[in-house]
């Protein structure tokens, strides 16, 4: 019996470091594939722009300004995912 992975369009994905680099590219690719996204980074401005970009293209995303080095911020990310999407599939 093999592992059955969900398609991205069936997932809610938390992406940390979403304001630049690999996190930014991953967010754009996941949004294009139809995933629901919870974006997290320290830059509110960059997160807001990315969220607007995704929504303008018909995607679904929210953002949380957070520093993953702080336990409280990590909890806030998880809480946002649970509140908006009922949880998350991938972090």
N, C-alpha and C. Protein backbone atom coordinates (compact mmCIF):
# COMPACT_ATOMS: atom_id res chain seq x y z
N UNK A 1 0.84 -1.18 0.00
CA UNK A 1 0.00 0.00 0.00
C UNK A 1 0.89 1.24 0.00
N UNK A 2 0.75 2.09 -1.03
CA UNK A 2 1.57 3.28 -1.15
C UNK A 2 0.97 4.48 -0.44
N UNK A 3 1.79 5.48 -0.27
CA UNK A 3 1.34 6.73 0.34
C UNK A 3 0.57 7.52 -0.71
N UNK A 4 -0.56 8.03 -0.34
CA UNK A 4 -1.39 8.84 -1.23
C UNK A 4 -1.29 10.30 -0.80
N UNK A 5 -0.63 11.12 -1.59
CA UNK A 5 -0.47 12.53 -1.26
C UNK A 5 -1.64 13.34 -1.82
N UNK A 6 -2.06 14.34 -1.05
CA UNK A 6 -3.11 15.24 -1.52
C UNK A 6 -2.54 16.17 -2.58
N UNK A 7 -3.35 16.51 -3.54
CA UNK A 7 -2.96 17.50 -4.53
C UNK A 7 -2.88 18.86 -3.83
N UNK A 8 -2.03 19.74 -4.35
CA UNK A 8 -1.87 21.05 -3.73
C UNK A 8 -3.20 21.80 -3.64
N UNK A 9 -4.05 21.66 -4.65
CA UNK A 9 -5.32 22.39 -4.63
C UNK A 9 -6.25 21.91 -3.52
N UNK A 10 -5.91 20.81 -2.89
CA UNK A 10 -6.72 20.27 -1.78
C UNK A 10 -6.07 20.54 -0.43
N UNK A 11 -5.01 21.36 -0.42
CA UNK A 11 -4.26 21.57 0.82
C UNK A 11 -4.29 23.01 1.29
N UNK A 12 -4.17 23.15 2.61
CA UNK A 12 -3.85 24.42 3.23
C UNK A 12 -2.40 24.32 3.65
N UNK A 13 -1.60 25.28 3.18
CA UNK A 13 -0.16 25.22 3.40
C UNK A 13 0.30 26.46 4.15
N UNK A 14 1.08 26.26 5.20
CA UNK A 14 1.73 27.35 5.92
C UNK A 14 3.12 27.51 5.30
N UNK A 15 3.43 28.73 4.89
CA UNK A 15 4.75 29.01 4.32
C UNK A 15 5.40 30.11 5.14
N UNK A 16 6.49 29.76 5.81
CA UNK A 16 7.25 30.74 6.58
C UNK A 16 8.33 31.32 5.67
N UNK A 17 8.77 32.52 5.99
CA UNK A 17 9.75 33.18 5.13
C UNK A 17 9.15 33.54 3.78
N UNK A 18 7.85 33.79 3.76
CA UNK A 18 7.12 33.98 2.50
C UNK A 18 7.38 35.32 1.83
N UNK A 19 8.09 36.22 2.48
CA UNK A 19 8.27 37.55 1.90
C UNK A 19 9.42 37.64 0.91
N UNK A 20 10.26 36.61 0.83
CA UNK A 20 11.40 36.68 -0.09
C UNK A 20 11.97 35.29 -0.36
N UNK A 21 12.82 35.22 -1.35
CA UNK A 21 13.57 34.00 -1.63
C UNK A 21 12.72 32.77 -1.91
N UNK A 22 13.16 31.65 -1.36
CA UNK A 22 12.49 30.37 -1.57
C UNK A 22 11.05 30.41 -1.08
N UNK A 23 10.81 31.05 0.06
CA UNK A 23 9.45 31.13 0.58
C UNK A 23 8.51 31.87 -0.36
N UNK A 24 8.99 32.95 -0.95
CA UNK A 24 8.19 33.74 -1.89
C UNK A 24 7.87 32.93 -3.14
N UNK A 25 8.88 32.28 -3.70
CA UNK A 25 8.67 31.46 -4.90
C UNK A 25 7.73 30.29 -4.60
N UNK A 26 7.92 29.66 -3.45
CA UNK A 26 7.05 28.55 -3.05
C UNK A 26 5.61 29.01 -2.92
N UNK A 27 5.40 30.17 -2.31
CA UNK A 27 4.05 30.71 -2.14
C UNK A 27 3.39 30.95 -3.49
N UNK A 28 4.11 31.56 -4.41
CA UNK A 28 3.54 31.83 -5.74
C UNK A 28 3.19 30.54 -6.47
N UNK A 29 4.08 29.56 -6.39
CA UNK A 29 3.84 28.28 -7.07
C UNK A 29 2.66 27.54 -6.45
N UNK A 30 2.58 27.52 -5.12
CA UNK A 30 1.49 26.83 -4.44
C UNK A 30 0.15 27.52 -4.73
N UNK A 31 0.16 28.85 -4.77
CA UNK A 31 -1.06 29.59 -5.08
C UNK A 31 -1.52 29.28 -6.50
N UNK A 32 -0.58 29.24 -7.42
CA UNK A 32 -0.90 28.94 -8.82
C UNK A 32 -1.51 27.54 -8.95
N UNK A 33 -1.07 26.62 -8.08
CA UNK A 33 -1.59 25.25 -8.09
C UNK A 33 -2.93 25.13 -7.35
N UNK A 34 -3.37 26.22 -6.70
CA UNK A 34 -4.68 26.23 -6.06
C UNK A 34 -4.71 25.98 -4.57
N UNK A 35 -3.56 25.96 -3.92
CA UNK A 35 -3.52 25.75 -2.47
C UNK A 35 -4.06 26.97 -1.73
N UNK A 36 -4.62 26.74 -0.56
CA UNK A 36 -4.97 27.82 0.37
C UNK A 36 -3.72 28.08 1.18
N UNK A 37 -3.35 29.35 1.31
CA UNK A 37 -2.07 29.66 1.94
C UNK A 37 -2.19 30.50 3.20
N UNK A 38 -1.34 30.16 4.16
CA UNK A 38 -1.11 30.97 5.34
C UNK A 38 0.34 31.41 5.23
N UNK A 39 0.55 32.68 4.95
CA UNK A 39 1.88 33.21 4.71
C UNK A 39 2.40 33.88 5.97
N UNK A 40 3.66 33.61 6.29
CA UNK A 40 4.25 34.20 7.49
C UNK A 40 5.65 34.71 7.19
N UNK A 41 5.96 35.86 7.75
CA UNK A 41 7.29 36.47 7.66
C UNK A 41 7.28 37.68 8.59
N UNK A 42 8.41 38.36 8.64
CA UNK A 42 8.50 39.53 9.52
C UNK A 42 8.09 40.82 8.84
N UNK A 43 8.04 40.83 7.51
CA UNK A 43 7.74 42.06 6.77
C UNK A 43 6.26 42.17 6.42
N UNK A 44 5.56 43.01 7.16
CA UNK A 44 4.12 43.20 6.92
C UNK A 44 3.86 43.71 5.51
N UNK A 45 4.66 44.66 5.07
CA UNK A 45 4.46 45.25 3.74
C UNK A 45 4.60 44.20 2.64
N UNK A 46 5.65 43.41 2.69
CA UNK A 46 5.88 42.38 1.67
C UNK A 46 4.78 41.32 1.71
N UNK A 47 4.36 40.93 2.91
CA UNK A 47 3.29 39.93 3.04
C UNK A 47 1.98 40.47 2.48
N UNK A 48 1.69 41.72 2.76
CA UNK A 48 0.47 42.33 2.25
C UNK A 48 0.46 42.37 0.73
N UNK A 49 1.60 42.74 0.14
CA UNK A 49 1.69 42.79 -1.32
C UNK A 49 1.51 41.40 -1.93
N UNK A 50 2.16 40.40 -1.33
CA UNK A 50 2.05 39.03 -1.85
C UNK A 50 0.62 38.51 -1.71
N UNK A 51 0.00 38.76 -0.58
CA UNK A 51 -1.38 38.32 -0.37
C UNK A 51 -2.31 38.97 -1.39
N UNK A 52 -2.13 40.26 -1.64
CA UNK A 52 -2.94 40.96 -2.64
C UNK A 52 -2.71 40.37 -4.03
N UNK A 53 -1.46 40.08 -4.35
CA UNK A 53 -1.11 39.48 -5.65
C UNK A 53 -1.83 38.14 -5.84
N UNK A 54 -1.78 37.31 -4.80
CA UNK A 54 -2.41 35.99 -4.87
C UNK A 54 -3.92 36.11 -5.01
N UNK A 55 -4.51 36.99 -4.21
CA UNK A 55 -5.97 37.17 -4.28
C UNK A 55 -6.40 37.75 -5.62
N UNK A 56 -5.62 38.67 -6.17
CA UNK A 56 -5.94 39.27 -7.47
C UNK A 56 -5.95 38.23 -8.58
N UNK A 57 -5.14 37.19 -8.41
CA UNK A 57 -5.06 36.11 -9.40
C UNK A 57 -6.10 35.01 -9.13
N UNK A 58 -6.97 35.24 -8.13
CA UNK A 58 -8.02 34.27 -7.83
C UNK A 58 -7.67 33.27 -6.75
N UNK A 59 -6.51 33.45 -6.11
CA UNK A 59 -6.09 32.53 -5.05
C UNK A 59 -6.64 32.91 -3.70
N UNK A 60 -6.35 32.07 -2.73
CA UNK A 60 -6.82 32.29 -1.36
C UNK A 60 -5.62 32.29 -0.42
N UNK A 61 -5.43 33.41 0.29
CA UNK A 61 -4.28 33.52 1.19
C UNK A 61 -4.58 34.51 2.31
N UNK A 62 -3.98 34.23 3.44
CA UNK A 62 -3.94 35.17 4.56
C UNK A 62 -2.49 35.29 4.98
N UNK A 63 -2.19 36.33 5.77
CA UNK A 63 -0.82 36.43 6.26
C UNK A 63 -0.79 36.73 7.75
N UNK A 64 0.33 36.35 8.35
CA UNK A 64 0.59 36.59 9.76
C UNK A 64 2.00 37.15 9.86
N UNK A 65 2.13 38.34 10.43
CA UNK A 65 3.46 38.88 10.67
C UNK A 65 4.03 38.14 11.86
N UNK A 66 5.15 37.46 11.65
CA UNK A 66 5.68 36.59 12.70
C UNK A 66 7.17 36.39 12.55
N UNK A 67 7.79 36.10 13.68
CA UNK A 67 9.19 35.69 13.76
C UNK A 67 9.17 34.27 14.29
N UNK A 68 9.51 33.28 13.45
CA UNK A 68 9.40 31.88 13.87
C UNK A 68 10.39 31.52 14.97
N UNK A 69 11.26 32.42 15.34
CA UNK A 69 12.13 32.21 16.48
C UNK A 69 11.41 32.44 17.81
N UNK A 70 10.20 32.96 17.72
CA UNK A 70 9.39 33.21 18.92
C UNK A 70 8.25 32.20 18.97
N UNK A 71 8.20 31.42 20.04
CA UNK A 71 7.18 30.38 20.18
C UNK A 71 5.77 30.95 20.08
N UNK A 72 5.55 32.10 20.67
CA UNK A 72 4.23 32.74 20.63
C UNK A 72 3.81 33.05 19.19
N UNK A 73 4.75 33.51 18.38
CA UNK A 73 4.44 33.82 16.98
C UNK A 73 4.09 32.56 16.20
N UNK A 74 4.78 31.46 16.49
CA UNK A 74 4.48 30.19 15.82
C UNK A 74 3.06 29.75 16.17
N UNK A 75 2.69 29.91 17.43
CA UNK A 75 1.32 29.60 17.84
C UNK A 75 0.31 30.48 17.10
N UNK A 76 0.65 31.75 16.93
CA UNK A 76 -0.24 32.67 16.22
C UNK A 76 -0.46 32.23 14.77
N UNK A 77 0.59 31.73 14.14
CA UNK A 77 0.47 31.23 12.76
C UNK A 77 -0.50 30.05 12.72
N UNK A 78 -0.28 29.09 13.61
CA UNK A 78 -1.16 27.91 13.66
C UNK A 78 -2.59 28.31 13.97
N UNK A 79 -2.78 29.22 14.92
CA UNK A 79 -4.13 29.68 15.27
C UNK A 79 -4.83 30.33 14.08
N UNK A 80 -4.08 31.13 13.31
CA UNK A 80 -4.66 31.78 12.13
C UNK A 80 -5.10 30.75 11.10
N UNK A 81 -4.28 29.72 10.90
CA UNK A 81 -4.62 28.65 9.95
C UNK A 81 -5.88 27.91 10.40
N UNK A 82 -5.96 27.63 11.67
CA UNK A 82 -7.12 26.92 12.21
C UNK A 82 -8.37 27.78 12.12
N UNK A 83 -8.25 29.05 12.48
CA UNK A 83 -9.40 29.95 12.47
C UNK A 83 -9.93 30.16 11.05
N UNK A 84 -9.05 30.40 10.09
CA UNK A 84 -9.49 30.73 8.72
C UNK A 84 -9.83 29.51 7.88
N UNK A 85 -9.00 28.45 8.00
CA UNK A 85 -9.15 27.30 7.10
C UNK A 85 -9.50 26.00 7.81
N UNK A 86 -9.60 26.03 9.13
CA UNK A 86 -9.92 24.81 9.87
C UNK A 86 -8.71 23.94 10.16
N UNK A 87 -7.53 24.44 9.88
CA UNK A 87 -6.30 23.69 10.11
C UNK A 87 -5.36 23.85 8.93
N UNK A 88 -4.36 22.98 8.88
CA UNK A 88 -3.41 23.02 7.77
C UNK A 88 -2.91 21.61 7.49
N UNK A 89 -2.47 21.39 6.26
CA UNK A 89 -1.97 20.08 5.84
C UNK A 89 -0.45 20.02 5.81
N UNK A 90 0.16 21.13 5.46
CA UNK A 90 1.61 21.16 5.28
C UNK A 90 2.14 22.44 5.91
N UNK A 91 3.30 22.31 6.59
CA UNK A 91 3.96 23.48 7.17
C UNK A 91 5.37 23.47 6.67
